[in-house]
């Protein structure tokens, strides 16, 4: 998911952050005497967008939400403070970190972000292991979106604490989850990343094991998206039920997908083909040999070429996953 945050995504023209592009003035970190550290300082304009992670109220899935990052020398700190404030969390999403939490200090050294939070991070947290796990996971996933952060060491009031709550360890540096929202995987299965609809507002990634290797993994990914979330709480398919895969091939970095529509799907006036196209693209771009998607539906070619959506002979810039528009 790092690629979506910084190098790949192009936000729709005119996209503004919920906080607005006002000048940010995050507090400077405190450095121990004699130590040289990367205090997440960067040149203005180097990073344009930030990915924050929240939790779906239905199903408890981690949901990436993208918003514009205003000019700032300390993007990691700004991202953390926005996450705590729940700035980009919308209707249907939960910001699990207590909003009373203060960032006492933050610095990065050799790929580890040391995050010193006030005691409210632990004392104001909603009761239960699940709430604690959500708070830790959203924080770690958000900060490791930045290319210079590989892991996160949490401190509370300047001290390392072994557990946030029983069963949720924070005593060692934590790495990001390799697969978001795993739903199933049996021994010997490969894992694919699928995007499904949540409340008509968000695309939610889920990771699923597949064991049928008679076709390529990328084709299996397309077939799994067409099958839909199959009863996963709160998630809906991005294509109608009466749709099948007519043809699939990959040539020179482009996946060509032809869908066959049954009578019910052909008559469905509510199907958002561009949303289905985005879900297919985000899933297939997990494969390094695929950069573009061309989708053939009802004799019409739509697709992604050079990071732009082509739909009904019009071109639109490709939005980030769940871009927040003010």
Protein backbone atom coordinates (compact mmCIF):
# COMPACT_ATOMS: atom_id res chain seq x y z
CA UNK A 1 0.00 0.00 0.00
CA UNK A 2 2.93 2.42 0.30
CA UNK A 3 2.95 3.01 -3.43
CA UNK A 4 -0.57 4.44 -3.41
CA UNK A 5 0.42 7.06 -0.85
CA UNK A 6 3.33 8.76 -2.53
CA UNK A 7 4.45 7.51 -5.91
CA UNK A 8 1.42 6.21 -7.80
CA UNK A 9 -1.75 8.08 -6.93
CA UNK A 10 -2.86 11.31 -8.63
CA UNK A 11 -5.68 13.01 -6.75
CA UNK A 12 -8.59 14.53 -8.66
CA UNK A 13 -7.92 18.13 -9.68
CA UNK A 14 -8.81 20.59 -6.95
CA UNK A 15 -8.75 18.01 -4.11
CA UNK A 16 -8.40 19.69 -0.72
CA UNK A 17 -7.70 18.17 2.67
CA UNK A 18 -10.44 18.26 5.27
CA UNK A 19 -8.19 20.38 7.44
CA UNK A 20 -7.53 22.71 4.54
CA UNK A 21 -4.13 23.82 3.29
CA UNK A 22 -3.35 26.21 6.08
CA UNK A 23 0.20 26.56 7.28
CA UNK A 24 1.15 23.75 9.66
CA UNK A 25 3.40 24.45 12.62
CA UNK A 26 4.03 21.12 14.35
CA UNK A 27 6.13 21.19 17.47
CA UNK A 28 9.78 20.28 17.10
CA UNK A 29 10.94 16.97 18.52
CA UNK A 30 13.27 16.80 21.48
CA UNK A 31 16.66 15.26 20.65
CA UNK A 32 18.90 13.74 23.22
CA UNK A 33 22.22 15.55 23.49
CA UNK A 34 24.81 14.19 21.08
CA UNK A 35 22.36 12.15 19.01
CA UNK A 36 21.82 12.72 15.31
CA UNK A 37 18.36 11.65 14.14
CA UNK A 38 15.99 12.14 11.26
CA UNK A 39 13.24 14.21 12.83
CA UNK A 40 10.91 13.51 9.85
CA UNK A 41 11.99 16.79 8.25
CA UNK A 42 11.58 17.15 4.51
CA UNK A 43 11.62 19.86 1.88
CA UNK A 44 8.23 21.45 1.10
CA UNK A 45 6.39 19.97 -1.90
CA UNK A 46 8.27 16.64 -1.66
CA UNK A 47 5.16 14.72 -0.54
CA UNK A 48 1.70 15.76 -1.66
CA UNK A 49 -0.67 13.20 -0.14
CA UNK A 50 -1.01 11.16 3.00
CA UNK A 51 -2.83 7.90 3.70
CA UNK A 52 -4.56 7.61 7.07
CA UNK A 53 -6.12 4.38 8.31
CA UNK A 54 -9.43 4.16 10.11
CA UNK A 55 -11.78 1.32 11.02
CA UNK A 56 -15.10 0.44 9.40
CA UNK A 57 -17.96 0.47 11.91
CA UNK A 58 -19.38 -2.61 10.21
CA UNK A 59 -16.90 -5.47 10.04
CA UNK A 60 -13.97 -3.73 11.73
CA UNK A 61 -11.89 -3.52 8.52
CA UNK A 62 -8.91 -1.21 8.27
CA UNK A 63 -9.80 1.41 5.64
CA UNK A 64 -7.20 3.62 3.90
CA UNK A 65 -8.32 7.23 3.48
CA UNK A 66 -6.25 9.63 1.36
CA UNK A 67 -6.12 13.39 1.77
CA UNK A 68 -3.92 16.20 0.57
CA UNK A 69 -0.84 16.94 2.62
CA UNK A 70 -0.23 20.66 2.88
CA UNK A 71 3.28 22.07 2.69
CA UNK A 72 5.07 21.04 5.85
CA UNK A 73 8.57 20.11 6.91
CA UNK A 74 7.28 17.36 9.22
CA UNK A 75 4.75 15.27 7.25
CA UNK A 76 4.96 12.24 9.55
CA UNK A 77 3.99 14.30 12.57
CA UNK A 78 1.20 16.05 10.69
CA UNK A 79 -0.16 12.67 9.56
CA UNK A 80 -0.05 11.34 13.13
CA UNK A 81 -1.85 14.36 14.55
CA UNK A 82 -4.51 14.18 11.86
CA UNK A 83 -4.99 10.48 12.60
CA UNK A 84 -5.47 11.13 16.32
CA UNK A 85 -7.87 13.98 15.60
CA UNK A 86 -9.90 11.79 13.27
CA UNK A 87 -9.55 14.47 10.61
CA UNK A 88 -10.19 12.27 7.57
CA UNK A 89 -12.57 9.79 9.18
CA UNK A 90 -15.97 10.03 7.56
CA UNK A 91 -19.41 8.64 8.21
CA UNK A 92 -19.21 4.90 8.81
CA UNK A 93 -15.58 5.01 9.96
CA UNK A 94 -14.15 4.93 13.47
CA UNK A 95 -11.05 6.77 14.71
CA UNK A 96 -9.95 4.41 17.53
CA UNK A 97 -7.15 6.49 19.05
CA UNK A 98 -8.48 8.64 21.93
CA UNK A 99 -8.66 12.25 20.68
CA UNK A 100 -7.26 13.47 24.03
CA UNK A 101 -3.94 11.80 23.12
CA UNK A 102 -1.03 14.22 22.73
CA UNK A 103 2.15 13.64 20.71
CA UNK A 104 4.94 14.27 23.22
CA UNK A 105 7.75 13.44 20.81
CA UNK A 106 8.41 11.85 17.42
CA UNK A 107 11.67 11.05 15.68
CA UNK A 108 12.90 8.55 13.11
CA UNK A 109 16.17 6.64 13.35
CA UNK A 110 17.33 3.83 11.03
CA UNK A 111 13.83 3.11 9.75
CA UNK A 112 12.16 3.11 13.17
CA UNK A 113 9.71 5.85 14.13
CA UNK A 114 9.80 6.44 17.88
CA UNK A 115 6.38 7.78 18.89
CA UNK A 116 6.00 9.10 22.42
CA UNK A 117 2.33 9.56 23.29
CA UNK A 118 0.69 10.95 26.40
CA UNK A 119 -0.91 8.62 28.93
CA UNK A 120 -4.37 9.28 27.46
CA UNK A 121 -3.47 6.87 24.65
CA UNK A 122 -3.83 4.09 27.22
CA UNK A 123 -6.15 5.53 29.88
CA UNK A 124 -8.81 7.01 27.55
CA UNK A 125 -8.94 4.02 25.20
CA UNK A 126 -12.30 2.31 24.93
CA UNK A 127 -12.27 -0.96 26.89
CA UNK A 128 -11.52 -4.22 25.13
CA UNK A 129 -8.67 -5.90 23.30
CA UNK A 130 -10.20 -5.12 19.91
CA UNK A 131 -10.20 -1.37 20.51
CA UNK A 132 -6.55 -1.48 21.58
CA UNK A 133 -5.61 -3.55 18.54
CA UNK A 134 -7.39 -1.09 16.24
CA UNK A 135 -5.59 1.88 17.83
CA UNK A 136 -2.18 0.26 17.37
CA UNK A 137 -2.86 -1.03 13.86
CA UNK A 138 -4.18 2.26 12.49
CA UNK A 139 -1.17 4.10 13.90
CA UNK A 140 1.41 1.62 12.57
CA UNK A 141 -0.21 1.30 9.13
CA UNK A 142 -0.43 5.08 8.76
CA UNK A 143 3.15 5.87 9.73
CA UNK A 144 4.70 3.05 7.70
CA UNK A 145 3.12 4.53 4.57
CA UNK A 146 6.10 6.90 4.60
CA UNK A 147 9.13 5.50 2.77
CA UNK A 148 11.59 6.17 5.61
CA UNK A 149 9.47 4.39 8.24
CA UNK A 150 9.64 0.59 8.35
CA UNK A 151 8.51 0.05 11.93
CA UNK A 152 7.08 1.95 14.89
CA UNK A 153 8.17 1.89 18.53
CA UNK A 154 5.43 3.19 20.80
CA UNK A 155 6.21 4.90 24.09
CA UNK A 156 3.76 6.23 26.66
CA UNK A 157 4.92 9.20 28.71
CA UNK A 158 8.47 8.53 27.58
CA UNK A 159 8.53 4.89 28.64
CA UNK A 160 8.29 1.60 26.79
CA UNK A 161 5.27 -0.35 27.92
CA UNK A 162 5.10 -4.08 27.25
CA UNK A 163 1.34 -4.19 26.62
CA UNK A 164 -1.27 -1.59 25.77
CA UNK A 165 -3.82 -4.02 27.11
CA UNK A 166 -3.72 -7.76 27.70
CA UNK A 167 -2.73 -9.47 24.46
CA UNK A 168 -1.75 -6.29 22.59
CA UNK A 169 2.05 -6.06 22.75
CA UNK A 170 3.80 -2.73 22.16
CA UNK A 171 7.14 -3.45 23.86
CA UNK A 172 9.09 -3.88 20.60
CA UNK A 173 9.10 -2.00 17.27
CA UNK A 174 6.01 -2.97 15.28
CA UNK A 175 5.97 -3.55 11.52
CA UNK A 176 3.00 -2.99 9.20
CA UNK A 177 0.75 -5.92 8.40
CA UNK A 178 1.81 -7.53 5.10
CA UNK A 179 -1.83 -8.12 4.13
CA UNK A 180 -4.75 -5.90 5.03
CA UNK A 181 -7.92 -7.41 6.51
CA UNK A 182 -7.12 -11.12 6.01
CA UNK A 183 -10.32 -13.14 5.73
CA UNK A 184 -9.02 -16.64 4.97
CA UNK A 185 -5.88 -18.54 4.05
CA UNK A 186 -5.22 -22.25 4.15
CA UNK A 187 -1.77 -23.89 3.99
CA UNK A 188 -0.45 -23.84 0.44
CA UNK A 189 -2.72 -21.02 -0.71
CA UNK A 190 -1.49 -17.76 -2.24
CA UNK A 191 -2.91 -14.46 -1.02
CA UNK A 192 -4.55 -11.86 -3.26
CA UNK A 193 -5.76 -8.36 -2.37
CA UNK A 194 -9.36 -7.57 -3.30
CA UNK A 195 -11.31 -4.31 -3.11
CA UNK A 196 -15.02 -4.22 -2.30
CA UNK A 197 -17.56 -1.49 -1.68
CA UNK A 198 -18.40 -0.15 1.78
CA UNK A 199 -21.52 1.99 2.14
CA UNK A 200 -21.14 3.30 -1.41
CA UNK A 201 -18.37 5.63 -0.17
CA UNK A 202 -15.21 3.61 0.32
CA UNK A 203 -13.29 0.80 -1.32
CA UNK A 204 -12.09 -1.61 1.36
CA UNK A 205 -9.13 -3.96 0.75
CA UNK A 206 -9.40 -7.54 2.00
CA UNK A 207 -6.83 -10.32 1.67
CA UNK A 208 -7.98 -13.79 0.66
CA UNK A 209 -6.21 -17.07 0.10
CA UNK A 210 -6.68 -18.82 -3.25
CA UNK A 211 -5.61 -22.39 -4.00
CA UNK A 212 -6.66 -22.87 -7.61
CA UNK A 213 -3.50 -22.38 -9.66
CA UNK A 214 -4.90 -23.47 -13.01
CA UNK A 215 -4.95 -19.79 -13.96
CA UNK A 216 -2.66 -16.87 -13.19
CA UNK A 217 -2.95 -15.18 -9.80
CA UNK A 218 -3.94 -11.93 -11.45
CA UNK A 219 -6.79 -13.64 -13.29
CA UNK A 220 -7.87 -15.33 -10.05
CA UNK A 221 -7.91 -11.86 -8.48
CA UNK A 222 -10.33 -10.62 -11.16
CA UNK A 223 -12.54 -13.69 -10.70
CA UNK A 224 -12.63 -13.17 -6.92
CA UNK A 225 -13.66 -9.52 -7.37
CA UNK A 226 -16.44 -10.62 -9.70
CA UNK A 227 -17.62 -13.21 -7.16
CA UNK A 228 -17.94 -10.45 -4.59
CA UNK A 229 -17.38 -10.38 -0.82
CA UNK A 230 -19.59 -13.46 -0.28
CA UNK A 231 -21.24 -12.50 2.99
CA UNK A 232 -18.48 -10.39 4.53
CA UNK A 233 -20.20 -8.04 6.97
CA UNK A 234 -20.75 -4.53 5.62
CA UNK A 235 -19.12 -5.12 2.22
CA UNK A 236 -20.86 -5.12 -1.16
CA UNK A 237 -19.67 -6.22 -4.63
CA UNK A 238 -18.40 -3.70 -7.17
CA UNK A 239 -20.02 -5.58 -10.08
CA UNK A 240 -23.58 -6.96 -10.38
CA UNK A 241 -24.23 -10.62 -9.64
CA UNK A 242 -25.09 -11.48 -13.23
CA UNK A 243 -21.58 -10.85 -14.60
CA UNK A 244 -18.93 -13.32 -15.77
CA UNK A 245 -15.39 -13.08 -17.07
CA UNK A 246 -15.43 -13.57 -20.83
CA UNK A 247 -11.73 -13.07 -21.53
CA UNK A 248 -8.57 -12.08 -19.67
CA UNK A 249 -4.98 -11.54 -20.76
CA UNK A 250 -1.98 -9.42 -19.86
CA UNK A 251 0.17 -7.81 -22.57
CA UNK A 252 3.05 -5.39 -22.07
CA UNK A 253 1.94 -4.31 -18.60
CA UNK A 254 -1.77 -3.94 -19.40
CA UNK A 255 -4.47 -6.33 -18.16
CA UNK A 256 -7.28 -6.70 -20.71
CA UNK A 257 -10.57 -7.71 -19.07
CA UNK A 258 -13.74 -8.52 -20.99
CA UNK A 259 -16.91 -8.97 -18.95
CA UNK A 260 -20.08 -10.70 -20.12
CA UNK A 261 -23.32 -9.31 -18.73
CA UNK A 262 -26.47 -11.33 -18.24
CA UNK A 263 -29.91 -9.80 -18.70
CA UNK A 264 -30.15 -8.61 -15.09
CA UNK A 265 -26.73 -6.96 -15.15
CA UNK A 266 -27.33 -5.40 -18.58
CA UNK A 267 -30.52 -3.79 -17.27
CA UNK A 268 -28.91 -2.51 -14.07
CA UNK A 269 -28.78 1.29 -14.36
CA UNK A 270 -27.12 1.74 -10.96
CA UNK A 271 -23.88 -0.09 -11.70
CA UNK A 272 -20.92 2.26 -11.35
CA UNK A 273 -18.49 0.95 -13.94
CA UNK A 274 -15.77 3.46 -13.04
CA UNK A 275 -15.85 2.26 -9.42
CA UNK A 276 -15.48 -1.33 -10.60
CA UNK A 277 -12.61 -0.24 -12.79
CA UNK A 278 -10.87 1.42 -9.84
CA UNK A 279 -11.29 -1.70 -7.68
CA UNK A 280 -9.82 -3.86 -10.45
CA UNK A 281 -6.93 -1.47 -10.96
CA UNK A 282 -6.00 -1.14 -7.30
CA UNK A 283 -6.07 -4.93 -6.89
CA UNK A 284 -4.14 -5.71 -10.07
CA UNK A 285 -1.46 -3.09 -9.44
CA UNK A 286 -0.33 -5.27 -6.54
CA UNK A 287 1.26 -7.36 -9.31
CA UNK A 288 4.53 -5.74 -10.46
CA UNK A 289 3.98 -6.71 -14.10
CA UNK A 290 0.63 -4.85 -14.35
CA UNK A 291 0.47 -1.05 -14.60
CA UNK A 292 -2.74 -0.49 -16.60
CA UNK A 293 -6.19 -2.02 -16.98
CA UNK A 294 -8.46 -2.04 -20.03
CA UNK A 295 -12.03 -3.07 -19.34
CA UNK A 296 -14.50 -4.10 -22.06
CA UNK A 297 -18.15 -3.94 -20.95
CA UNK A 298 -21.15 -4.08 -23.29
CA UNK A 299 -18.92 -3.36 -26.26
CA UNK A 300 -17.46 -0.23 -24.65
CA UNK A 301 -13.79 0.13 -23.86
CA UNK A 302 -12.95 1.83 -20.60
CA UNK A 303 -9.63 1.67 -18.91
CA UNK A 304 -6.58 3.06 -17.22
CA UNK A 305 -3.86 4.38 -19.46
CA UNK A 306 -1.04 6.51 -18.08
CA UNK A 307 -2.78 6.80 -14.71
CA UNK A 308 -6.01 8.25 -16.16
CA UNK A 309 -9.49 6.77 -16.42
CA UNK A 310 -10.89 6.60 -19.93
CA UNK A 311 -14.67 6.36 -19.78
CA UNK A 312 -17.15 7.05 -22.57
CA UNK A 313 -14.36 8.69 -24.61
CA UNK A 314 -13.51 11.08 -21.77
CA UNK A 315 -10.37 11.08 -19.62
CA UNK A 316 -10.27 11.75 -15.89
CA UNK A 317 -7.33 11.72 -13.52
CA UNK A 318 -7.17 8.57 -11.44
CA UNK A 319 -8.27 9.31 -7.85
CA UNK A 320 -6.49 7.82 -4.87
CA UNK A 321 -8.20 5.07 -2.92
CA UNK A 322 -10.90 6.80 -0.84
CA UNK A 323 -9.73 10.33 -1.54
CA UNK A 324 -11.27 12.86 0.83
CA UNK A 325 -12.70 15.86 -1.00
CA UNK A 326 -13.54 18.94 1.04
